[in-house]
Amino acid sequence: MSTRSVAARTFTAGATALAVLAVLVVGGVLVLRELVDPFSSEPVCTAGVEGTSAVLDLEQARYAATIAAVSVQRGLPARAASIALATAFQESKIVNIDYGDRDSLGLFQQRPSQGWGSPSQIMDPYYATNRFYSALEQVDGYRSLPIDEAAQMVQRSADGRAYAPHEERARTLASALTGFSPAAFSCEVEPPSPSAKGPDAQGLTPRAQAVRREVESAFGDLPQGGFAPDGVQSGHQQGSAHYDGRAVDFFFRPVNDANNRRGWALAHFLVAQAERMAISTVIFDDRIWTAARSDQGWREYDEGSGSGDPNIRRHLDHVHVDVA
């Protein structure tokens, strides 16, 4: 055999070995990443409660907030949201996927063949979440059961222990997103681009109307105001988005602990939807979140030196939201 043939074979073997090593390294990194954090999406939304934290990407945040909001609308305890969120973490990574084991679909991987609904129904996050809670409410003593056991009673999965690793993260999110932990959930987003579309017959821009519809789907029929058919002419600070038909106020009266929690549930929900719905500002309970300064999270709100009801000026009795 010639020296050239030996050298060629040596080079080929070496290149093959390097290629195999590269595949193993990359594969190992991917496997390690999945083992360390299977939800390793870009950390843009964070819930922080009593030293614990949960990090989501924007898509996960949107659905997590929806799951929590539906529990609030139904009058369920925060534990119900914890159970639902732990389930969604395990089943879909809190993403509304259109595939799964056999005919499983959606956030909770519900199966049409098992009576959960039609495929189109299950792919509707509000329908799927309500179906999950309806099943959970049939579980005797679910409020006191361990989260993984309650989830398994609903899902009947092959391995009910799989829900347990998500419990802490689910409890943290539930505490923030159901309003029990004020100003505890925030997202970092790019400031939305302004829309050129003006107000409709009700005095609101299309984006503001879209926010109203989303809030109604999530929380039901809430008292609201800050807009009028001919436009708002007074009652707000100079330059307020209310005058352009870009703002809506959702009222939580009287000011008390229960309404404060409901208000924070809505405020956090709106932040979770901000990127998708071009939301610029959310104000509630002496706090403000803005897309332009979203990297700073919730900040203290300066209501100015005007006169009038402090509950209104400080946004203690209503959640303000405006869009670009």
C-alpha atoms as a PDB file:
ATOM      1  CA  MET A   1       0.000   0.000   0.000  1.00  0.00           C
ATOM      2  CA  SER A   2       1.343   3.416  -0.910  1.00  0.00           C
ATOM      3  CA  THR A   3       2.200   6.086   1.623  1.00  0.00           C
ATOM      4  CA  ARG A   4      -0.395   8.310  -0.044  1.00  0.00           C
ATOM      5  CA  SER A   5      -3.159   5.661   0.470  1.00  0.00           C
ATOM      6  CA  VAL A   6      -2.245   5.271   4.133  1.00  0.00           C
ATOM      7  CA  ALA A   7      -2.310   9.030   4.629  1.00  0.00           C
ATOM      8  CA  ALA A   8      -5.673   9.305   2.889  1.00  0.00           C
ATOM      9  CA  ARG A   9      -7.174   6.559   5.025  1.00  0.00           C
ATOM     10  CA  THR A  10      -5.741   8.154   8.153  1.00  0.00           C
ATOM     11  CA  PHE A  11      -7.229  11.531   7.194  1.00  0.00           C
ATOM     12  CA  THR A  12     -10.613   9.960   6.398  1.00  0.00           C
ATOM     13  CA  ALA A  13     -10.694   8.061   9.689  1.00  0.00           C
ATOM     14  CA  GLY A  14      -9.718  11.177  11.597  1.00  0.00           C
ATOM     15  CA  ALA A  15     -12.359  13.301   9.896  1.00  0.00           C
ATOM     16  CA  THR A  16     -14.978  10.650  10.568  1.00  0.00           C
ATOM     17  CA  ALA A  17     -14.002  10.488  14.218  1.00  0.00           C
ATOM     18  CA  LEU A  18     -14.192  14.265  14.519  1.00  0.00           C
ATOM     19  CA  ALA A  19     -17.595  14.303  12.855  1.00  0.00           C
ATOM     20  CA  VAL A  20     -18.901  11.614  15.204  1.00  0.00           C
ATOM     21  CA  LEU A  21     -17.448  13.480  18.170  1.00  0.00           C
ATOM     22  CA  ALA A  22     -19.117  16.697  17.014  1.00  0.00           C
ATOM     23  CA  VAL A  23     -22.467  14.947  16.729  1.00  0.00           C
ATOM     24  CA  LEU A  24     -22.031  13.442  20.184  1.00  0.00           C
ATOM     25  CA  VAL A  25     -21.062  16.777  21.678  1.00  0.00           C
ATOM     26  CA  VAL A  26     -23.969  18.619  20.074  1.00  0.00           C
ATOM     27  CA  GLY A  27     -26.334  15.821  20.987  1.00  0.00           C
ATOM     28  CA  GLY A  28     -24.968  15.782  24.502  1.00  0.00           C
ATOM     29  CA  VAL A  29     -25.481  19.512  24.836  1.00  0.00           C
ATOM     30  CA  LEU A  30     -29.052  19.209  23.604  1.00  0.00           C
ATOM     31  CA  VAL A  31     -29.753  16.298  25.934  1.00  0.00           C
ATOM     32  CA  LEU A  32     -28.105  18.122  28.842  1.00  0.00           C
ATOM     33  CA  ARG A  33     -30.123  21.260  28.083  1.00  0.00           C
ATOM     34  CA  GLU A  34     -33.321  19.221  28.047  1.00  0.00           C
ATOM     35  CA  LEU A  35     -32.402  17.542  31.324  1.00  0.00           C
ATOM     36  CA  VAL A  36     -31.382  20.745  33.069  1.00  0.00           C
ATOM     37  CA  ASP A  37     -34.218  22.911  31.768  1.00  0.00           C
ATOM     38  CA  PRO A  38     -36.698  21.516  29.261  1.00  0.00           C
ATOM     39  CA  PHE A  39     -38.260  24.988  29.050  1.00  0.00           C
ATOM     40  CA  SER A  40     -35.088  26.766  27.988  1.00  0.00           C
ATOM     41  CA  SER A  41     -36.762  29.384  25.810  1.00  0.00           C
ATOM     42  CA  GLU A  42     -35.593  32.957  25.887  1.00  0.00           C
ATOM     43  CA  PRO A  43     -36.306  34.314  29.388  1.00  0.00           C
ATOM     44  CA  VAL A  44     -38.596  37.232  28.696  1.00  0.00           C
ATOM     45  CA  CYS A  45     -41.362  36.807  31.306  1.00  0.00           C
ATOM     46  CA  THR A  46     -40.714  36.220  34.979  1.00  0.00           C
ATOM     47  CA  ALA A  47     -42.819  35.558  38.051  1.00  0.00           C
ATOM     48  CA  GLY A  48     -41.100  36.074  41.384  1.00  0.00           C
ATOM     49  CA  VAL A  49     -42.776  35.129  44.670  1.00  0.00           C
ATOM     50  CA  GLU A  50     -41.093  34.826  48.094  1.00  0.00           C
ATOM     51  CA  GLY A  51     -37.699  33.822  46.759  1.00  0.00           C
ATOM     52  CA  THR A  52     -38.978  31.481  44.047  1.00  0.00           C
ATOM     53  CA  SER A  53     -39.160  32.293  40.362  1.00  0.00           C
ATOM     54  CA  ALA A  54     -40.622  30.962  37.146  1.00  0.00           C
ATOM     55  CA  VAL A  55     -39.377  31.986  33.725  1.00  0.00           C
ATOM     56  CA  LEU A  56     -41.417  31.723  30.527  1.00  0.00           C
ATOM     57  CA  ASP A  57     -41.182  32.891  26.955  1.00  0.00           C
ATOM     58  CA  LEU A  58     -43.881  35.132  25.530  1.00  0.00           C
ATOM     59  CA  GLU A  59     -45.956  32.312  24.089  1.00  0.00           C
ATOM     60  CA  GLN A  60     -45.890  30.331  27.321  1.00  0.00           C
ATOM     61  CA  ALA A  61     -46.740  33.464  29.300  1.00  0.00           C
ATOM     62  CA  ARG A  62     -49.769  34.151  27.133  1.00  0.00           C
ATOM     63  CA  TYR A  63     -51.232  30.715  27.821  1.00  0.00           C
ATOM     64  CA  ALA A  64     -50.198  30.560  31.476  1.00  0.00           C
ATOM     65  CA  ALA A  65     -52.011  33.841  32.089  1.00  0.00           C
ATOM     66  CA  THR A  66     -55.058  32.488  30.262  1.00  0.00           C
ATOM     67  CA  ILE A  67     -55.111  29.364  32.431  1.00  0.00           C
ATOM     68  CA  ALA A  68     -54.916  31.486  35.587  1.00  0.00           C
ATOM     69  CA  ALA A  69     -57.513  33.997  34.361  1.00  0.00           C
ATOM     70  CA  VAL A  70     -60.086  31.302  33.710  1.00  0.00           C
ATOM     71  CA  SER A  71     -59.668  30.049  37.267  1.00  0.00           C
ATOM     72  CA  VAL A  72     -60.343  33.581  38.522  1.00  0.00           C
ATOM     73  CA  GLN A  73     -63.435  33.907  36.317  1.00  0.00           C
ATOM     74  CA  ARG A  74     -64.758  30.591  37.666  1.00  0.00           C
ATOM     75  CA  GLY A  75     -64.121  31.642  41.278  1.00  0.00           C
ATOM     76  CA  LEU A  76     -61.678  28.799  41.901  1.00  0.00           C
ATOM     77  CA  PRO A  77     -58.863  28.861  44.461  1.00  0.00           C
ATOM     78  CA  ALA A  78     -55.309  29.598  43.373  1.00  0.00           C
ATOM     79  CA  ARG A  79     -54.515  25.932  43.977  1.00  0.00           C
ATOM     80  CA  ALA A  80     -56.700  25.013  41.015  1.00  0.00           C
ATOM     81  CA  ALA A  81     -54.513  27.226  38.825  1.00  0.00           C
ATOM     82  CA  SER A  82     -51.389  25.582  40.308  1.00  0.00           C
ATOM     83  CA  ILE A  83     -52.719  22.145  39.373  1.00  0.00           C
ATOM     84  CA  ALA A  84     -53.658  23.275  35.871  1.00  0.00           C
ATOM     85  CA  LEU A  85     -50.320  24.981  35.273  1.00  0.00           C
ATOM     86  CA  ALA A  86     -48.319  21.975  36.504  1.00  0.00           C
ATOM     87  CA  THR A  87     -50.363  19.817  34.149  1.00  0.00           C
ATOM     88  CA  ALA A  88     -49.806  22.118  31.182  1.00  0.00           C
ATOM     89  CA  PHE A  89     -46.077  22.302  31.931  1.00  0.00           C
ATOM     90  CA  GLN A  90     -45.825  18.531  31.680  1.00  0.00           C
ATOM     91  CA  GLU A  91     -48.251  17.932  28.844  1.00  0.00           C
ATOM     92  CA  SER A  92     -47.308  20.688  26.392  1.00  0.00           C
ATOM     93  CA  LYS A  93     -44.709  22.979  28.013  1.00  0.00           C
ATOM     94  CA  ILE A  94     -47.644  25.444  28.152  1.00  0.00           C
ATOM     95  CA  VAL A  95     -47.828  25.734  24.361  1.00  0.00           C
ATOM     96  CA  ASN A  96     -51.007  25.146  22.371  1.00  0.00           C
ATOM     97  CA  ILE A  97     -49.606  22.355  20.209  1.00  0.00           C
ATOM     98  CA  ASP A  98     -51.652  20.637  17.508  1.00  0.00           C
ATOM     99  CA  TYR A  99     -50.084  17.200  17.944  1.00  0.00           C
ATOM    100  CA  GLY A 100     -49.394  14.641  20.653  1.00  0.00           C
ATOM    101  CA  ASP A 101     -49.633  10.999  21.636  1.00  0.00           C
ATOM    102  CA  ARG A 102     -52.305   9.362  19.494  1.00  0.00           C
ATOM    103  CA  ASP A 103     -55.010  12.030  19.099  1.00  0.00           C
ATOM    104  CA  SER A 104     -53.904  14.244  22.016  1.00  0.00           C
ATOM    105  CA  LEU A 105     -54.035  17.989  21.349  1.00  0.00           C
ATOM    106  CA  GLY A 106     -53.579  21.379  22.928  1.00  0.00           C
ATOM    107  CA  LEU A 107     -52.377  22.761  26.234  1.00  0.00           C
ATOM    108  CA  PHE A 108     -53.499  19.756  28.273  1.00  0.00           C
ATOM    109  CA  GLN A 109     -53.156  17.120  25.534  1.00  0.00           C
ATOM    110  CA  GLN A 110     -56.839  16.308  25.710  1.00  0.00           C
ATOM    111  CA  ARG A 111     -58.105  13.570  23.399  1.00  0.00           C
ATOM    112  CA  PRO A 112     -61.205  13.940  21.216  1.00  0.00           C
ATOM    113  CA  SER A 113     -61.632  10.162  21.295  1.00  0.00           C
ATOM    114  CA  GLN A 114     -61.923  10.297  25.086  1.00  0.00           C
ATOM    115  CA  GLY A 115     -64.755  12.812  25.099  1.00  0.00           C
ATOM    116  CA  TRP A 116     -62.829  16.030  25.743  1.00  0.00           C
ATOM    117  CA  GLY A 117     -64.342  17.751  22.725  1.00  0.00           C
ATOM    118  CA  SER A 118     -63.739  18.164  19.011  1.00  0.00           C
ATOM    119  CA  PRO A 119     -60.213  18.947  17.767  1.00  0.00           C
ATOM    120  CA  SER A 120     -61.178  22.558  17.062  1.00  0.00           C
ATOM    121  CA  GLN A 121     -62.668  22.932  20.535  1.00  0.00           C
ATOM    122  CA  ILE A 122     -59.625  21.475  22.264  1.00  0.00           C
ATOM    123  CA  MET A 123     -57.353  23.816  20.314  1.00  0.00           C
ATOM    124  CA  ASP A 124     -59.260  26.766  21.770  1.00  0.00           C
ATOM    125  CA  PRO A 125     -57.296  27.606  24.966  1.00  0.00           C
ATOM    126  CA  TYR A 126     -60.379  28.928  26.749  1.00  0.00           C
ATOM    127  CA  TYR A 127     -62.447  25.851  25.952  1.00  0.00           C
ATOM    128  CA  ALA A 128     -59.617  23.474  26.882  1.00  0.00           C
ATOM    129  CA  THR A 129     -58.927  25.260  30.167  1.00  0.00           C
ATOM    130  CA  ASN A 130     -62.587  25.317  31.150  1.00  0.00           C
ATOM    131  CA  ARG A 131     -62.872  21.598  30.374  1.00  0.00           C
ATOM    132  CA  PHE A 132     -59.853  20.908  32.554  1.00  0.00           C
ATOM    133  CA  TYR A 133     -61.303  22.851  35.477  1.00  0.00           C
ATOM    134  CA  SER A 134     -64.713  21.196  35.055  1.00  0.00           C
ATOM    135  CA  ALA A 135     -63.013  17.806  35.381  1.00  0.00           C
ATOM    136  CA  LEU A 136     -60.874  18.988  38.299  1.00  0.00           C
ATOM    137  CA  GLU A 137     -63.927  20.166  40.219  1.00  0.00           C
ATOM    138  CA  GLN A 138     -65.245  16.596  40.046  1.00  0.00           C
ATOM    139  CA  VAL A 139     -62.168  15.319  41.909  1.00  0.00           C
ATOM    140  CA  ASP A 140     -63.163  14.868  45.529  1.00  0.00           C
ATOM    141  CA  GLY A 141     -60.930  16.922  47.832  1.00  0.00           C
ATOM    142  CA  TYR A 142     -58.716  18.288  45.069  1.00  0.00           C
ATOM    143  CA  ARG A 143     -58.004  21.415  47.137  1.00  0.00           C
ATOM    144  CA  SER A 144     -56.094  19.372  49.703  1.00  0.00           C
ATOM    145  CA  LEU A 145     -54.583  16.709  47.456  1.00  0.00           C
ATOM    146  CA  PRO A 146     -50.936  16.967  46.394  1.00  0.00           C
ATOM    147  CA  ILE A 147     -50.750  18.806  43.079  1.00  0.00           C
ATOM    148  CA  ASP A 148     -49.439  15.825  41.133  1.00  0.00           C
ATOM    149  CA  GLU A 149     -52.154  13.529  42.500  1.00  0.00           C
ATOM    150  CA  ALA A 150     -54.914  15.975  41.618  1.00  0.00           C
ATOM    151  CA  ALA A 151     -53.483  16.423  38.119  1.00  0.00           C
ATOM    152  CA  GLN A 152     -53.299  12.668  37.635  1.00  0.00           C
ATOM    153  CA  MET A 153     -56.922  12.253  38.712  1.00  0.00           C
ATOM    154  CA  VAL A 154     -57.899  14.508  35.810  1.00  0.00           C
ATOM    155  CA  GLN A 155     -55.421  13.370  33.185  1.00  0.00           C
ATOM    156  CA  ARG A 156     -55.121   9.648  33.913  1.00  0.00           C
ATOM    157  CA  SER A 157     -51.695   9.645  32.306  1.00  0.00           C
ATOM    158  CA  ALA A 158     -49.241   6.762  32.118  1.00  0.00           C
ATOM    159  CA  ASP A 159     -47.035   8.251  34.844  1.00  0.00           C
ATOM    160  CA  GLY A 160     -48.737  10.564  37.311  1.00  0.00           C
ATOM    161  CA  ARG A 161     -45.405  11.313  39.020  1.00  0.00           C
ATOM    162  CA  ALA A 162     -44.356  13.366  35.986  1.00  0.00           C
ATOM    163  CA  TYR A 163     -46.355  16.376  37.243  1.00  0.00           C
ATOM    164  CA  ALA A 164     -44.458  16.679  40.533  1.00  0.00           C
ATOM    165  CA  PRO A 165     -41.270  18.366  39.181  1.00  0.00           C
ATOM    166  CA  HIS A 166     -43.373  21.300  37.960  1.00  0.00           C
ATOM    167  CA  GLU A 167     -45.115  22.032  41.253  1.00  0.00           C
ATOM    168  CA  GLU A 168     -42.920  24.850  42.559  1.00  0.00           C
ATOM    169  CA  ARG A 169     -42.885  26.696  39.266  1.00  0.00           C
ATOM    170  CA  ALA A 170     -46.649  26.236  38.893  1.00  0.00           C
ATOM    171  CA  ARG A 171     -47.343  27.551  42.408  1.00  0.00           C
ATOM    172  CA  THR A 172     -45.190  30.607  41.779  1.00  0.00           C
ATOM    173  CA  LEU A 173     -46.994  31.417  38.558  1.00  0.00           C
ATOM    174  CA  ALA A 174     -50.404  30.767  40.068  1.00  0.00           C
ATOM    175  CA  SER A 175     -49.724  33.072  43.017  1.00  0.00           C
ATOM    176  CA  ALA A 176     -48.727  35.900  40.688  1.00  0.00           C
ATOM    177  CA  LEU A 177     -51.202  35.361  37.863  1.00  0.00           C
ATOM    178  CA  THR A 178     -54.244  34.961  40.121  1.00  0.00           C
ATOM    179  CA  GLY A 179     -53.349  38.220  41.859  1.00  0.00           C
ATOM    180  CA  PHE A 180     -52.278  36.926  45.268  1.00  0.00           C
ATOM    181  CA  SER A 181     -48.778  38.352  44.719  1.00  0.00           C
ATOM    182  CA  PRO A 182     -49.023  41.962  43.466  1.00  0.00           C
ATOM    183  CA  ALA A 183     -46.573  43.250  40.858  1.00  0.00           C
ATOM    184  CA  ALA A 184     -44.928  39.827  40.799  1.00  0.00           C
ATOM    185  CA  PHE A 185     -45.164  39.063  37.074  1.00  0.00           C
ATOM    186  CA  SER A 186     -43.567  41.030  34.256  1.00  0.00           C
ATOM    187  CA  CYS A 187     -42.513  40.585  30.641  1.00  0.00           C
ATOM    188  CA  GLU A 188     -39.813  42.260  28.584  1.00  0.00           C
ATOM    189  CA  VAL A 189     -41.138  43.252  25.165  1.00  0.00           C
ATOM    190  CA  GLU A 190     -40.305  45.558  22.308  1.00  0.00           C
ATOM    191  CA  PRO A 191     -42.379  48.765  22.294  1.00  0.00           C
ATOM    192  CA  PRO A 192     -45.251  48.314  19.812  1.00  0.00           C
ATOM    193  CA  SER A 193     -45.449  50.392  16.661  1.00  0.00           C
ATOM    194  CA  PRO A 194     -48.268  52.977  16.571  1.00  0.00           C
ATOM    195  CA  SER A 195     -51.393  52.173  14.586  1.00  0.00           C
ATOM    196  CA  ALA A 196     -52.820  54.627  12.075  1.00  0.00           C
ATOM    197  CA  LYS A 197     -56.384  53.361  12.589  1.00  0.00           C
ATOM    198  CA  GLY A 198     -58.732  55.698  14.416  1.00  0.00           C
ATOM    199  CA  PRO A 199     -61.633  55.076  16.816  1.00  0.00           C
ATOM    200  CA  ASP A 200     -64.802  53.235  15.815  1.00  0.00           C
ATOM    201  CA  ALA A 201     -68.410  54.108  16.624  1.00  0.00           C
ATOM    202  CA  GLN A 202     -67.832  53.204  20.275  1.00  0.00           C
ATOM    203  CA  GLY A 203     -64.846  55.510  20.458  1.00  0.00           C
ATOM    204  CA  LEU A 204     -62.122  52.860  20.554  1.00  0.00           C
ATOM    205  CA  THR A 205     -59.434  51.861  18.085  1.00  0.00           C
ATOM    206  CA  PRO A 206     -59.413  48.291  16.714  1.00  0.00           C
ATOM    207  CA  ARG A 207     -56.533  47.347  18.997  1.00  0.00           C
ATOM    208  CA  ALA A 208     -58.355  48.652  22.073  1.00  0.00           C
ATOM    209  CA  GLN A 209     -61.454  46.727  21.053  1.00  0.00           C
ATOM    210  CA  ALA A 210     -59.364  43.582  20.659  1.00  0.00           C
ATOM    211  CA  VAL A 211     -58.128  43.995  24.231  1.00  0.00           C
ATOM    212  CA  ARG A 212     -61.714  44.356  25.451  1.00  0.00           C
ATOM    213  CA  ARG A 213     -62.703  41.115  23.692  1.00  0.00           C
ATOM    214  CA  GLU A 214     -59.730  39.226  25.094  1.00  0.00           C
ATOM    215  CA  VAL A 215     -60.424  40.420  28.631  1.00  0.00           C
ATOM    216  CA  GLU A 216     -64.071  39.374  28.301  1.00  0.00           C
ATOM    217  CA  SER A 217     -63.022  35.888  27.161  1.00  0.00           C
ATOM    218  CA  ALA A 218     -60.617  35.559  30.074  1.00  0.00           C
ATOM    219  CA  PHE A 219     -62.476  37.227  32.940  1.00  0.00           C
ATOM    220  CA  GLY A 220     -66.064  37.576  31.823  1.00  0.00           C
ATOM    221  CA  ASP A 221     -68.076  40.786  31.772  1.00  0.00           C
ATOM    222  CA  LEU A 222     -66.154  43.360  33.834  1.00  0.00           C
ATOM    223  CA  PRO A 223     -67.342  46.922  34.489  1.00  0.00           C
ATOM    224  CA  GLN A 224     -65.391  49.231  32.185  1.00  0.00           C
ATOM    225  CA  GLY A 225     -65.145  52.775  30.950  1.00  0.00           C
ATOM    226  CA  GLY A 226     -62.776  55.492  29.810  1.00  0.00           C
ATOM    227  CA  PHE A 227     -64.223  55.705  26.295  1.00  0.00           C
ATOM    228  CA  ALA A 228     -67.292  57.208  24.623  1.00  0.00           C
ATOM    229  CA  PRO A 229     -68.924  57.179  21.156  1.00  0.00           C
ATOM    230  CA  ASP A 230     -67.934  60.780  20.441  1.00  0.00           C
ATOM    231  CA  GLY A 231     -64.586  60.427  22.166  1.00  0.00           C
ATOM    232  CA  VAL A 232     -63.526  61.308  25.708  1.00  0.00           C
ATOM    233  CA  GLN A 233     -63.282  65.074  26.155  1.00  0.00           C
ATOM    234  CA  SER A 234     -62.130  65.489  29.768  1.00  0.00           C
ATOM    235  CA  GLY A 235     -61.341  63.794  33.064  1.00  0.00           C
ATOM    236  CA  HIS A 236     -57.849  62.539  32.279  1.00  0.00           C
ATOM    237  CA  GLN A 237     -54.317  63.880  32.304  1.00  0.00           C
ATOM    238  CA  GLN A 238     -53.115  65.864  29.335  1.00  0.00           C
ATOM    239  CA  GLY A 239     -51.940  63.567  26.557  1.00  0.00           C
ATOM    240  CA  SER A 240     -53.864  60.573  27.922  1.00  0.00           C
ATOM    241  CA  ALA A 241     -54.492  57.703  25.515  1.00  0.00           C
ATOM    242  CA  HIS A 242     -58.168  57.934  26.520  1.00  0.00           C
ATOM    243  CA  TYR A 243     -58.534  61.001  24.306  1.00  0.00           C
ATOM    244  CA  ASP A 244     -57.354  58.999  21.282  1.00  0.00           C
ATOM    245  CA  GLY A 245     -59.610  56.011  21.937  1.00  0.00           C
ATOM    246  CA  ARG A 246     -56.622  53.852  22.762  1.00  0.00           C
ATOM    247  CA  ALA A 247     -57.365  53.173  26.439  1.00  0.00           C
ATOM    248  CA  VAL A 248     -59.860  51.219  28.524  1.00  0.00           C
ATOM    249  CA  ASP A 249     -60.384  51.173  32.298  1.00  0.00           C
ATOM    250  CA  PHE A 250     -61.624  47.991  34.021  1.00  0.00           C
ATOM    251  CA  PHE A 251     -63.167  48.699  37.413  1.00  0.00           C
ATOM    252  CA  PHE A 252     -62.782  46.699  40.625  1.00  0.00           C
ATOM    253  CA  ARG A 253     -64.976  48.416  43.186  1.00  0.00           C
ATOM    254  CA  PRO A 254     -65.119  48.807  46.124  1.00  0.00           C
ATOM    255  CA  VAL A 255     -61.431  48.897  47.012  1.00  0.00           C
ATOM    256  CA  ASN A 256     -60.815  45.813  49.157  1.00  0.00           C
ATOM    257  CA  ASP A 257     -58.496  42.802  49.291  1.00  0.00           C
ATOM    258  CA  ALA A 258     -60.632  40.586  47.058  1.00  0.00           C
ATOM    259  CA  ASN A 259     -60.938  43.209  44.328  1.00  0.00           C
ATOM    260  CA  ASN A 260     -57.257  44.040  44.639  1.00  0.00           C
ATOM    261  CA  ARG A 261     -56.409  40.400  43.873  1.00  0.00           C
ATOM    262  CA  ARG A 262     -58.769  40.359  40.900  1.00  0.00           C
ATOM    263  CA  GLY A 263     -57.284  43.604  39.649  1.00  0.00           C
ATOM    264  CA  TRP A 264     -53.757  42.236  39.840  1.00  0.00           C
ATOM    265  CA  ALA A 265     -54.843  39.077  38.041  1.00  0.00           C
ATOM    266  CA  LEU A 266     -56.054  41.259  35.169  1.00  0.00           C
ATOM    267  CA  ALA A 267     -53.006  43.545  35.273  1.00  0.00           C
ATOM    268  CA  HIS A 268     -50.638  40.576  35.024  1.00  0.00           C
ATOM    269  CA  PHE A 269     -52.786  39.020  32.300  1.00  0.00           C
ATOM    270  CA  LEU A 270     -52.517  42.192  30.222  1.00  0.00           C
ATOM    271  CA  VAL A 271     -48.737  42.264  30.586  1.00  0.00           C
ATOM    272  CA  ALA A 272     -48.615  38.646  29.415  1.00  0.00           C
ATOM    273  CA  GLN A 273     -50.604  39.609  26.301  1.00  0.00           C
ATOM    274  CA  ALA A 274     -48.714  42.867  25.693  1.00  0.00           C
ATOM    275  CA  GLU A 275     -46.469  41.796  22.841  1.00  0.00           C
ATOM    276  CA  ARG A 276     -49.274  40.049  20.954  1.00  0.00           C
ATOM    277  CA  MET A 277     -51.847  42.821  21.433  1.00  0.00           C
ATOM    278  CA  ALA A 278     -49.637  45.920  21.071  1.00  0.00           C
ATOM    279  CA  ILE A 279     -50.255  46.970  24.682  1.00  0.00           C
ATOM    280  CA  SER A 280     -48.200  49.998  25.714  1.00  0.00           C
ATOM    281  CA  THR A 281     -49.190  50.663  29.317  1.00  0.00           C
ATOM    282  CA  VAL A 282     -50.832  48.932  32.267  1.00  0.00           C
ATOM    283  CA  ILE A 283     -51.514  50.820  35.519  1.00  0.00           C
ATOM    284  CA  PHE A 284     -52.980  49.511  38.766  1.00  0.00           C
ATOM    285  CA  ASP A 285     -52.622  49.934  42.519  1.00  0.00           C
ATOM    286  CA  ASP A 286     -49.924  52.629  42.505  1.00  0.00           C
ATOM    287  CA  ARG A 287     -47.839  50.644  39.969  1.00  0.00           C
ATOM    288  CA  ILE A 288     -47.157  51.077  36.266  1.00  0.00           C
ATOM    289  CA  TRP A 289     -45.770  48.780  33.582  1.00  0.00           C
ATOM    290  CA  THR A 290     -44.831  50.127  30.170  1.00  0.00           C
ATOM    291  CA  ALA A 291     -43.584  48.363  27.076  1.00  0.00           C
ATOM    292  CA  ALA A 292     -41.020  51.126  26.560  1.00  0.00           C
ATOM    293  CA  ARG A 293     -39.445  50.392  29.956  1.00  0.00           C
ATOM    294  CA  SER A 294     -40.479  46.778  30.334  1.00  0.00           C
ATOM    295  CA  ASP A 295     -36.956  45.763  31.321  1.00  0.00           C
ATOM    296  CA  GLN A 296     -37.627  47.599  34.604  1.00  0.00           C
ATOM    297  CA  GLY A 297     -40.795  45.639  35.361  1.00  0.00           C
ATOM    298  CA  TRP A 298     -43.430  47.267  37.549  1.00  0.00           C
ATOM    299  CA  ARG A 299     -42.517  50.747  38.786  1.00  0.00           C
ATOM    300  CA  GLU A 300     -44.095  53.142  41.246  1.00  0.00           C
ATOM    301  CA  TYR A 301     -46.782  55.234  39.595  1.00  0.00           C
ATOM    302  CA  ASP A 302     -46.760  59.010  40.013  1.00  0.00           C
ATOM    303  CA  GLU A 303     -50.371  60.152  39.945  1.00  0.00           C
ATOM    304  CA  GLY A 304     -49.393  63.803  39.863  1.00  0.00           C
ATOM    305  CA  SER A 305     -50.637  66.593  42.063  1.00  0.00           C
ATOM    306  CA  GLY A 306     -54.222  66.814  40.825  1.00  0.00           C
ATOM    307  CA  SER A 307     -57.281  66.775  43.050  1.00  0.00           C
ATOM    308  CA  GLY A 308     -60.064  64.274  43.112  1.00  0.00           C
ATOM    309  CA  ASP A 309     -60.723  60.787  44.409  1.00  0.00           C
ATOM    310  CA  PRO A 310     -57.372  59.165  45.322  1.00  0.00           C
ATOM    311  CA  ASN A 311     -58.777  55.732  44.438  1.00  0.00           C
ATOM    312  CA  ILE A 312     -59.113  56.965  40.877  1.00  0.00           C
ATOM    313  CA  ARG A 313     -55.910  59.010  40.663  1.00  0.00           C
ATOM    314  CA  ARG A 314     -53.821  56.201  42.131  1.00  0.00           C
ATOM    315  CA  HIS A 315     -55.642  53.541  40.082  1.00  0.00           C
ATOM    316  CA  LEU A 316     -56.648  51.656  43.210  1.00  0.00           C
ATOM    317  CA  ASP A 317     -60.127  50.861  41.900  1.00  0.00           C
ATOM    318  CA  HIS A 318     -59.415  50.212  38.240  1.00  0.00           C
ATOM    319  CA  VAL A 319     -56.881  48.733  35.851  1.00  0.00           C
ATOM    320  CA  HIS A 320     -55.895  51.087  33.038  1.00  0.00           C
ATOM    321  CA  VAL A 321     -54.622  49.626  29.778  1.00  0.00           C
ATOM    322  CA  ASP A 322     -53.692  51.418  26.594  1.00  0.00           C
ATOM    323  CA  VAL A 323     -52.459  50.282  23.216  1.00  0.00           C
ATOM    324  CA  ALA A 324     -50.176  51.812  20.605  1.00  0.00           C
END
